[in-house]
Amino acid sequence: MFRTVYILIICFFFCEFTYSQPKPALNTDDGTTLNVLYRNEGSGKIYANTRGFGFLYRRGKHITAKTRSYYEIDLQSLKHPKEVKVSGSAQDKKRFVYGKLNQVFLLRGAVGMQKVLFSKADNKAVEVRYSYSIGPTLAFAKPYYVQVYRSQTSTTGQTSPDVVKFDSESFTQDSVVGRGAFADGLAETKIYPGASAKFNLSFEYSPYTNLIRAIETGISLDFFPKAVPIMARNPAENLIVTFHVGFVFGSKWY
């Protein structure tokens, strides 16, 4: 179920992004004229942050020549800073993280404003912008399953590992031999509602005014009234602060 939701969200991003692209018959500008104001834009961002990776879709609209309003939705993985992957000794050799309680994904929605700090002097220059946004966020926490040996023998006479939810009180690092499948524990996924805020600084370098090519960096804050548990023997987290950098690509149209 959770993997299906993940795939559907990614499909939505790409379908919406494709739909938002300008049609050649309606937009004949070749993108070489500098002082052109495009009213609409759609873009995607692939990014990495200090706690994971993600993909974002953003739809913007000009309010003034240097100010845009936008809405966005993004999905990212969330790891704990103390996670360390260890090679498993089970037959499938799946690497695992000892002490991990939940695999966590964040789904954010937000509205925001983007403003131009420094405009382009020519098509080969860089435009510097800053933006800020706020909106709801959902943390999906799926229990982390591992493979452990429990002194039972399979029909072939070999010891067969069980796939169980990780429990730091029951298993030592030596007793865990691998990671369970992604589907293990999907039905036990818990949702933690919260709120998020972001501040971005972007550097737009596309040589064409009707295209978006930028490097964007910034900070994100996610707050959850009910703390999200990720690692055993570490406190669950109410406030999560991450720094991110990503590549933005898209287009503009009238």
C-alpha atoms as a PDB file:
ATOM      1  CA  MET A   1       0.000   0.000   0.000  1.00  0.00           C
ATOM      2  CA  PHE A   2       2.669   2.510   1.052  1.00  0.00           C
ATOM      3  CA  ARG A   3       4.807   1.815  -2.002  1.00  0.00           C
ATOM      4  CA  THR A   4       1.718   2.233  -4.210  1.00  0.00           C
ATOM      5  CA  VAL A   5       0.988   5.626  -2.634  1.00  0.00           C
ATOM      6  CA  TYR A   6       4.614   6.610  -3.170  1.00  0.00           C
ATOM      7  CA  ILE A   7       4.444   5.674  -6.878  1.00  0.00           C
ATOM      8  CA  LEU A   8       1.103   7.446  -7.375  1.00  0.00           C
ATOM      9  CA  ILE A   9       2.482  10.648  -5.858  1.00  0.00           C
ATOM     10  CA  ILE A  10       5.538  10.552  -8.136  1.00  0.00           C
ATOM     11  CA  CYS A  11       3.252   9.946 -11.143  1.00  0.00           C
ATOM     12  CA  PHE A  12       1.172  12.948 -10.103  1.00  0.00           C
ATOM     13  CA  PHE A  13       4.293  15.113  -9.999  1.00  0.00           C
ATOM     14  CA  PHE A  14       5.351  14.155 -13.513  1.00  0.00           C
ATOM     15  CA  CYS A  15       1.836  14.286 -15.007  1.00  0.00           C
ATOM     16  CA  GLU A  16       1.189  17.715 -13.542  1.00  0.00           C
ATOM     17  CA  PHE A  17       4.628  18.890 -14.641  1.00  0.00           C
ATOM     18  CA  THR A  18       4.037  17.636 -18.205  1.00  0.00           C
ATOM     19  CA  TYR A  19       0.578  19.211 -18.339  1.00  0.00           C
ATOM     20  CA  SER A  20       1.975  22.581 -17.258  1.00  0.00           C
ATOM     21  CA  GLN A  21       4.437  22.831 -20.140  1.00  0.00           C
ATOM     22  CA  PRO A  22       3.738  25.515 -22.758  1.00  0.00           C
ATOM     23  CA  LYS A  23       2.266  24.429 -26.086  1.00  0.00           C
ATOM     24  CA  PRO A  24       4.316  25.443 -29.134  1.00  0.00           C
ATOM     25  CA  ALA A  25       1.271  26.839 -30.932  1.00  0.00           C
ATOM     26  CA  LEU A  26       0.512  29.199 -28.039  1.00  0.00           C
ATOM     27  CA  ASN A  27       4.053  30.227 -27.128  1.00  0.00           C
ATOM     28  CA  THR A  28       6.215  31.179 -30.098  1.00  0.00           C
ATOM     29  CA  ASP A  29       8.871  33.042 -28.114  1.00  0.00           C
ATOM     30  CA  ASP A  30      12.307  31.458 -28.510  1.00  0.00           C
ATOM     31  CA  GLY A  31      13.487  32.509 -25.054  1.00  0.00           C
ATOM     32  CA  THR A  32      16.266  34.819 -26.234  1.00  0.00           C
ATOM     33  CA  THR A  33      14.600  38.137 -25.365  1.00  0.00           C
ATOM     34  CA  LEU A  34      15.755  39.259 -21.933  1.00  0.00           C
ATOM     35  CA  ASN A  35      12.999  41.653 -20.821  1.00  0.00           C
ATOM     36  CA  VAL A  36      10.026  39.322 -21.219  1.00  0.00           C
ATOM     37  CA  LEU A  37       7.568  38.697 -18.405  1.00  0.00           C
ATOM     38  CA  TYR A  38       6.125  35.197 -18.392  1.00  0.00           C
ATOM     39  CA  ARG A  39       3.073  35.000 -16.193  1.00  0.00           C
ATOM     40  CA  ASN A  40       3.221  31.277 -15.373  1.00  0.00           C
ATOM     41  CA  GLU A  41       5.881  28.708 -14.587  1.00  0.00           C
ATOM     42  CA  GLY A  42       6.081  25.073 -13.594  1.00  0.00           C
ATOM     43  CA  SER A  43       9.145  23.325 -12.248  1.00  0.00           C
ATOM     44  CA  GLY A  44      10.425  20.222 -10.540  1.00  0.00           C
ATOM     45  CA  LYS A  45      13.292  19.880  -8.085  1.00  0.00           C
ATOM     46  CA  ILE A  46      15.431  16.882  -7.248  1.00  0.00           C
ATOM     47  CA  TYR A  47      17.231  17.498  -3.982  1.00  0.00           C
ATOM     48  CA  ALA A  48      19.317  16.066  -1.193  1.00  0.00           C
ATOM     49  CA  ASN A  49      19.270  17.280   2.362  1.00  0.00           C
ATOM     50  CA  THR A  50      21.025  16.495   5.604  1.00  0.00           C
ATOM     51  CA  ARG A  51      18.466  13.778   6.385  1.00  0.00           C
ATOM     52  CA  GLY A  52      17.493  12.269   3.023  1.00  0.00           C
ATOM     53  CA  PHE A  53      16.488  12.774  -0.617  1.00  0.00           C
ATOM     54  CA  GLY A  54      13.351  14.042  -2.309  1.00  0.00           C
ATOM     55  CA  PHE A  55      11.460  15.350  -5.304  1.00  0.00           C
ATOM     56  CA  LEU A  56       9.345  18.514  -5.455  1.00  0.00           C
ATOM     57  CA  TYR A  57       6.820  19.976  -7.902  1.00  0.00           C
ATOM     58  CA  ARG A  58       6.179  23.740  -7.901  1.00  0.00           C
ATOM     59  CA  ARG A  59       3.671  25.877  -9.814  1.00  0.00           C
ATOM     60  CA  GLY A  60       4.205  29.649  -9.803  1.00  0.00           C
ATOM     61  CA  LYS A  61       2.513  32.800 -11.027  1.00  0.00           C
ATOM     62  CA  HIS A  62       3.825  36.366 -11.319  1.00  0.00           C
ATOM     63  CA  ILE A  63       2.317  39.057  -9.113  1.00  0.00           C
ATOM     64  CA  THR A  64       4.776  41.756 -10.171  1.00  0.00           C
ATOM     65  CA  ALA A  65       7.868  41.728 -12.394  1.00  0.00           C
ATOM     66  CA  LYS A  66      10.024  40.536  -9.465  1.00  0.00           C
ATOM     67  CA  THR A  67       7.531  38.703  -7.254  1.00  0.00           C
ATOM     68  CA  ARG A  68       5.891  35.305  -7.738  1.00  0.00           C
ATOM     69  CA  SER A  69       3.402  33.378  -5.661  1.00  0.00           C
ATOM     70  CA  TYR A  70       3.528  29.577  -5.831  1.00  0.00           C
ATOM     71  CA  TYR A  71       2.315  26.323  -4.403  1.00  0.00           C
ATOM     72  CA  GLU A  72       4.359  23.163  -4.131  1.00  0.00           C
ATOM     73  CA  ILE A  73       4.207  19.560  -3.012  1.00  0.00           C
ATOM     74  CA  ASP A  74       7.178  17.341  -2.240  1.00  0.00           C
ATOM     75  CA  LEU A  75       8.029  13.899  -0.970  1.00  0.00           C
ATOM     76  CA  GLN A  76      11.270  12.973   0.784  1.00  0.00           C
ATOM     77  CA  SER A  77      12.825  10.223   2.826  1.00  0.00           C
ATOM     78  CA  LEU A  78      13.860  11.013   6.396  1.00  0.00           C
ATOM     79  CA  LYS A  79      16.786   9.283   8.081  1.00  0.00           C
ATOM     80  CA  HIS A  80      18.210   9.617  11.555  1.00  0.00           C
ATOM     81  CA  PRO A  81      21.706  11.199  11.856  1.00  0.00           C
ATOM     82  CA  LYS A  82      22.961   8.113  13.737  1.00  0.00           C
ATOM     83  CA  GLU A  83      21.967   5.565  11.086  1.00  0.00           C
ATOM     84  CA  VAL A  84      24.803   3.274   9.970  1.00  0.00           C
ATOM     85  CA  LYS A  85      24.225   0.511   7.419  1.00  0.00           C
ATOM     86  CA  VAL A  86      25.752  -2.895   8.195  1.00  0.00           C
ATOM     87  CA  SER A  87      26.197  -5.757   5.737  1.00  0.00           C
ATOM     88  CA  GLY A  88      23.821  -8.640   6.450  1.00  0.00           C
ATOM     89  CA  SER A  89      24.934 -12.283   6.696  1.00  0.00           C
ATOM     90  CA  ALA A  90      21.619 -13.772   5.530  1.00  0.00           C
ATOM     91  CA  GLN A  91      21.402 -15.451   2.139  1.00  0.00           C
ATOM     92  CA  ASP A  92      20.090 -12.327   0.400  1.00  0.00           C
ATOM     93  CA  LYS A  93      22.872 -10.179   1.968  1.00  0.00           C
ATOM     94  CA  LYS A  94      20.545  -7.212   2.544  1.00  0.00           C
ATOM     95  CA  ARG A  95      22.201  -4.385   4.435  1.00  0.00           C
ATOM     96  CA  PHE A  96      20.391  -3.173   7.531  1.00  0.00           C
ATOM     97  CA  VAL A  97      20.485  -0.380  10.101  1.00  0.00           C
ATOM     98  CA  TYR A  98      20.734  -1.717  13.630  1.00  0.00           C
ATOM     99  CA  GLY A  99      18.510   0.270  16.000  1.00  0.00           C
ATOM    100  CA  LYS A 100      16.157   1.625  13.366  1.00  0.00           C
ATOM    101  CA  LEU A 101      12.517   1.600  14.490  1.00  0.00           C
ATOM    102  CA  ASN A 102      10.755   3.191  11.526  1.00  0.00           C
ATOM    103  CA  GLN A 103      11.328   4.078   7.896  1.00  0.00           C
ATOM    104  CA  VAL A 104       9.973   7.612   7.590  1.00  0.00           C
ATOM    105  CA  PHE A 105       8.807   9.603   4.562  1.00  0.00           C
ATOM    106  CA  LEU A 106       7.602  13.204   4.599  1.00  0.00           C
ATOM    107  CA  LEU A 107       4.842  14.508   2.340  1.00  0.00           C
ATOM    108  CA  ARG A 108       4.654  18.297   2.345  1.00  0.00           C
ATOM    109  CA  GLY A 109       2.315  20.817   0.759  1.00  0.00           C
ATOM    110  CA  ALA A 110       3.017  24.544   0.892  1.00  0.00           C
ATOM    111  CA  VAL A 111       2.234  27.987  -0.472  1.00  0.00           C
ATOM    112  CA  GLY A 112       4.890  30.645  -0.723  1.00  0.00           C
ATOM    113  CA  MET A 113       6.404  33.724  -2.289  1.00  0.00           C
ATOM    114  CA  GLN A 114       9.530  34.105  -4.397  1.00  0.00           C
ATOM    115  CA  LYS A 115      11.308  37.410  -4.961  1.00  0.00           C
ATOM    116  CA  VAL A 116      14.207  38.450  -7.195  1.00  0.00           C
ATOM    117  CA  LEU A 117      17.262  39.823  -5.402  1.00  0.00           C
ATOM    118  CA  PHE A 118      19.480  40.384  -8.450  1.00  0.00           C
ATOM    119  CA  SER A 119      18.113  40.288 -12.002  1.00  0.00           C
ATOM    120  CA  LYS A 120      20.039  39.117 -15.052  1.00  0.00           C
ATOM    121  CA  ALA A 121      22.083  41.748 -16.878  1.00  0.00           C
ATOM    122  CA  ASP A 122      22.175  39.472 -19.938  1.00  0.00           C
ATOM    123  CA  ASN A 123      21.165  35.928 -20.904  1.00  0.00           C
ATOM    124  CA  LYS A 124      24.485  34.487 -19.730  1.00  0.00           C
ATOM    125  CA  ALA A 125      24.224  36.001 -16.251  1.00  0.00           C
ATOM    126  CA  VAL A 126      22.775  34.475 -13.074  1.00  0.00           C
ATOM    127  CA  GLU A 127      19.563  35.633 -11.422  1.00  0.00           C
ATOM    128  CA  VAL A 128      19.479  35.343  -7.631  1.00  0.00           C
ATOM    129  CA  ARG A 129      16.144  34.786  -5.878  1.00  0.00           C
ATOM    130  CA  TYR A 130      14.920  34.005  -2.398  1.00  0.00           C
ATOM    131  CA  SER A 131      11.662  32.345  -1.387  1.00  0.00           C
ATOM    132  CA  TYR A 132       9.757  31.264   1.678  1.00  0.00           C
ATOM    133  CA  SER A 133       6.803  28.944   2.168  1.00  0.00           C
ATOM    134  CA  ILE A 134       4.635  27.361   4.837  1.00  0.00           C
ATOM    135  CA  GLY A 135       2.148  24.514   4.867  1.00  0.00           C
ATOM    136  CA  PRO A 136       1.079  21.156   6.299  1.00  0.00           C
ATOM    137  CA  THR A 137       3.247  18.053   6.372  1.00  0.00           C
ATOM    138  CA  LEU A 138       2.590  14.375   7.020  1.00  0.00           C
ATOM    139  CA  ALA A 139       5.186  11.926   8.315  1.00  0.00           C
ATOM    140  CA  PHE A 140       4.570   8.300   7.288  1.00  0.00           C
ATOM    141  CA  ALA A 141       6.360   5.980   9.721  1.00  0.00           C
ATOM    142  CA  LYS A 142       6.564   2.341   8.584  1.00  0.00           C
ATOM    143  CA  PRO A 143       7.951  -0.142  11.153  1.00  0.00           C
ATOM    144  CA  TYR A 144      11.423  -1.397  10.274  1.00  0.00           C
ATOM    145  CA  TYR A 145      11.585  -5.177   9.855  1.00  0.00           C
ATOM    146  CA  VAL A 146      14.761  -7.252  10.135  1.00  0.00           C
ATOM    147  CA  GLN A 147      15.810 -10.884   9.692  1.00  0.00           C
ATOM    148  CA  VAL A 148      16.858 -12.737  12.854  1.00  0.00           C
ATOM    149  CA  TYR A 149      17.711 -16.345  13.738  1.00  0.00           C
ATOM    150  CA  ARG A 150      15.514 -18.098  16.289  1.00  0.00           C
ATOM    151  CA  SER A 151      16.935 -21.632  16.581  1.00  0.00           C
ATOM    152  CA  GLN A 152      14.524 -23.171  14.105  1.00  0.00           C
ATOM    153  CA  THR A 153      15.397 -25.257  11.100  1.00  0.00           C
ATOM    154  CA  SER A 154      13.912 -25.189   7.592  1.00  0.00           C
ATOM    155  CA  THR A 155      12.902 -28.272   5.569  1.00  0.00           C
ATOM    156  CA  THR A 156      16.356 -28.264   3.966  1.00  0.00           C
ATOM    157  CA  GLY A 157      18.031 -28.671   7.340  1.00  0.00           C
ATOM    158  CA  GLN A 158      19.431 -25.132   7.326  1.00  0.00           C
ATOM    159  CA  THR A 159      18.644 -22.478   9.882  1.00  0.00           C
ATOM    160  CA  SER A 160      16.081 -20.060   8.442  1.00  0.00           C
ATOM    161  CA  PRO A 161      15.783 -16.444   9.650  1.00  0.00           C
ATOM    162  CA  ASP A 162      12.483 -14.952  10.752  1.00  0.00           C
ATOM    163  CA  VAL A 163      11.383 -11.518   9.503  1.00  0.00           C
ATOM    164  CA  VAL A 164      10.214  -9.516  12.511  1.00  0.00           C
ATOM    165  CA  LYS A 165       9.796  -5.944  13.654  1.00  0.00           C
ATOM    166  CA  PHE A 166      13.015  -4.584  15.163  1.00  0.00           C
ATOM    167  CA  ASP A 167      13.110  -4.620  18.960  1.00  0.00           C
ATOM    168  CA  SER A 168      16.227  -3.339  20.690  1.00  0.00           C
ATOM    169  CA  GLU A 169      15.286  -5.182  23.896  1.00  0.00           C
ATOM    170  CA  SER A 170      15.178  -8.574  22.146  1.00  0.00           C
ATOM    171  CA  PHE A 171      17.906  -8.464  19.500  1.00  0.00           C
ATOM    172  CA  THR A 172      21.603  -7.718  19.658  1.00  0.00           C
ATOM    173  CA  GLN A 173      23.476  -6.548  16.563  1.00  0.00           C
ATOM    174  CA  ASP A 174      24.936 -10.053  16.155  1.00  0.00           C
ATOM    175  CA  SER A 175      21.484 -11.657  16.070  1.00  0.00           C
ATOM    176  CA  VAL A 176      20.245  -9.473  13.179  1.00  0.00           C
ATOM    177  CA  VAL A 177      21.358 -10.909   9.834  1.00  0.00           C
ATOM    178  CA  GLY A 178      19.592  -8.724   7.285  1.00  0.00           C
ATOM    179  CA  ARG A 179      16.828  -6.285   6.404  1.00  0.00           C
ATOM    180  CA  GLY A 180      13.243  -7.287   5.739  1.00  0.00           C
ATOM    181  CA  ALA A 181      11.420  -6.464   2.504  1.00  0.00           C
ATOM    182  CA  PHE A 182       9.995  -2.985   1.986  1.00  0.00           C
ATOM    183  CA  ALA A 183       6.467  -4.423   2.026  1.00  0.00           C
ATOM    184  CA  ASP A 184       6.935  -5.853   5.530  1.00  0.00           C
ATOM    185  CA  GLY A 185       5.012  -3.677   7.975  1.00  0.00           C
ATOM    186  CA  LEU A 186       3.166  -1.540   5.416  1.00  0.00           C
ATOM    187  CA  ALA A 187      -0.181  -2.222   7.090  1.00  0.00           C
ATOM    188  CA  GLU A 188       1.265  -0.896  10.366  1.00  0.00           C
ATOM    189  CA  THR A 189       2.271   2.489   8.940  1.00  0.00           C
ATOM    190  CA  LYS A 190       1.419   5.390  11.250  1.00  0.00           C
ATOM    191  CA  ILE A 191       0.769   8.965  10.125  1.00  0.00           C
ATOM    192  CA  TYR A 192       2.032  11.949  12.109  1.00  0.00           C
ATOM    193  CA  PRO A 193       0.497  15.301  11.023  1.00  0.00           C
ATOM    194  CA  GLY A 194       2.515  18.467  11.394  1.00  0.00           C
ATOM    195  CA  ALA A 195       3.537  21.748   9.779  1.00  0.00           C
ATOM    196  CA  SER A 196       6.555  22.862   7.791  1.00  0.00           C
ATOM    197  CA  ALA A 197       8.302  26.073   6.794  1.00  0.00           C
ATOM    198  CA  LYS A 198      11.075  26.648   4.269  1.00  0.00           C
ATOM    199  CA  PHE A 199      13.480  29.353   3.192  1.00  0.00           C
ATOM    200  CA  ASN A 200      15.302  28.988  -0.150  1.00  0.00           C
ATOM    201  CA  LEU A 201      17.998  30.824  -2.050  1.00  0.00           C
ATOM    202  CA  SER A 202      18.170  29.979  -5.769  1.00  0.00           C
ATOM    203  CA  PHE A 203      20.589  30.768  -8.582  1.00  0.00           C
ATOM    204  CA  GLU A 204      18.896  30.672 -12.005  1.00  0.00           C
ATOM    205  CA  TYR A 205      21.385  30.305 -14.868  1.00  0.00           C
ATOM    206  CA  SER A 206      19.388  29.221 -17.938  1.00  0.00           C
ATOM    207  CA  PRO A 207      20.500  31.024 -21.156  1.00  0.00           C
ATOM    208  CA  TYR A 208      16.846  31.018 -22.277  1.00  0.00           C
ATOM    209  CA  THR A 209      14.268  33.167 -20.514  1.00  0.00           C
ATOM    210  CA  ASN A 210      11.451  30.660 -21.078  1.00  0.00           C
ATOM    211  CA  LEU A 211      13.321  27.828 -19.330  1.00  0.00           C
ATOM    212  CA  ILE A 212      14.175  27.272 -15.679  1.00  0.00           C
ATOM    213  CA  ARG A 213      17.550  25.852 -14.730  1.00  0.00           C
ATOM    214  CA  ALA A 214      18.674  26.643 -11.215  1.00  0.00           C
ATOM    215  CA  ILE A 215      20.593  25.483  -8.192  1.00  0.00           C
ATOM    216  CA  GLU A 216      18.552  25.967  -5.031  1.00  0.00           C
ATOM    217  CA  THR A 217      19.643  25.677  -1.424  1.00  0.00           C
ATOM    218  CA  GLY A 218      17.959  26.449   1.855  1.00  0.00           C
ATOM    219  CA  ILE A 219      16.602  25.287   5.194  1.00  0.00           C
ATOM    220  CA  SER A 220      13.425  23.386   6.134  1.00  0.00           C
ATOM    221  CA  LEU A 221      11.724  23.134   9.512  1.00  0.00           C
ATOM    222  CA  ASP A 222       9.147  20.426  10.231  1.00  0.00           C
ATOM    223  CA  PHE A 223       7.216  20.393  13.497  1.00  0.00           C
ATOM    224  CA  PHE A 224       5.093  17.493  14.754  1.00  0.00           C
ATOM    225  CA  PRO A 225       2.899  17.845  17.878  1.00  0.00           C
ATOM    226  CA  LYS A 226       3.355  14.095  18.434  1.00  0.00           C
ATOM    227  CA  ALA A 227       7.033  13.175  18.250  1.00  0.00           C
ATOM    228  CA  VAL A 228       8.176  10.863  15.445  1.00  0.00           C
ATOM    229  CA  PRO A 229      10.305   7.849  16.567  1.00  0.00           C
ATOM    230  CA  ILE A 230      13.054   6.761  14.174  1.00  0.00           C
ATOM    231  CA  MET A 231      15.893   5.179  16.162  1.00  0.00           C
ATOM    232  CA  ALA A 232      15.815   3.077  19.327  1.00  0.00           C
ATOM    233  CA  ARG A 233      17.416   4.551  22.452  1.00  0.00           C
ATOM    234  CA  ASN A 234      17.161   8.018  20.926  1.00  0.00           C
ATOM    235  CA  PRO A 235      14.371  10.491  21.705  1.00  0.00           C
ATOM    236  CA  ALA A 236      11.516  10.779  19.234  1.00  0.00           C
ATOM    237  CA  GLU A 237      11.610  14.107  17.404  1.00  0.00           C
ATOM    238  CA  ASN A 238       9.092  16.946  17.434  1.00  0.00           C
ATOM    239  CA  LEU A 239      11.202  19.468  15.525  1.00  0.00           C
ATOM    240  CA  ILE A 240      13.272  18.426  12.510  1.00  0.00           C
ATOM    241  CA  VAL A 241      15.635  20.947  10.901  1.00  0.00           C
ATOM    242  CA  THR A 242      17.337  20.102   7.601  1.00  0.00           C
ATOM    243  CA  PHE A 243      19.504  21.902   5.059  1.00  0.00           C
ATOM    244  CA  HIS A 244      19.020  21.078   1.394  1.00  0.00           C
ATOM    245  CA  VAL A 245      20.489  21.635  -2.062  1.00  0.00           C
ATOM    246  CA  GLY A 246      18.896  20.642  -5.334  1.00  0.00           C
ATOM    247  CA  PHE A 247      18.569  21.082  -9.081  1.00  0.00           C
ATOM    248  CA  VAL A 248      15.483  22.912 -10.363  1.00  0.00           C
ATOM    249  CA  PHE A 249      14.250  22.403 -13.939  1.00  0.00           C
ATOM    250  CA  GLY A 250      11.128  23.637 -15.698  1.00  0.00           C
ATOM    251  CA  SER A 251       9.654  26.189 -18.066  1.00  0.00           C
ATOM    252  CA  LYS A 252       7.715  29.457 -18.230  1.00  0.00           C
ATOM    253  CA  TRP A 253       4.829  30.544 -20.407  1.00  0.00           C
ATOM    254  CA  TYR A 254       2.459  33.485 -20.865  1.00  0.00           C
END
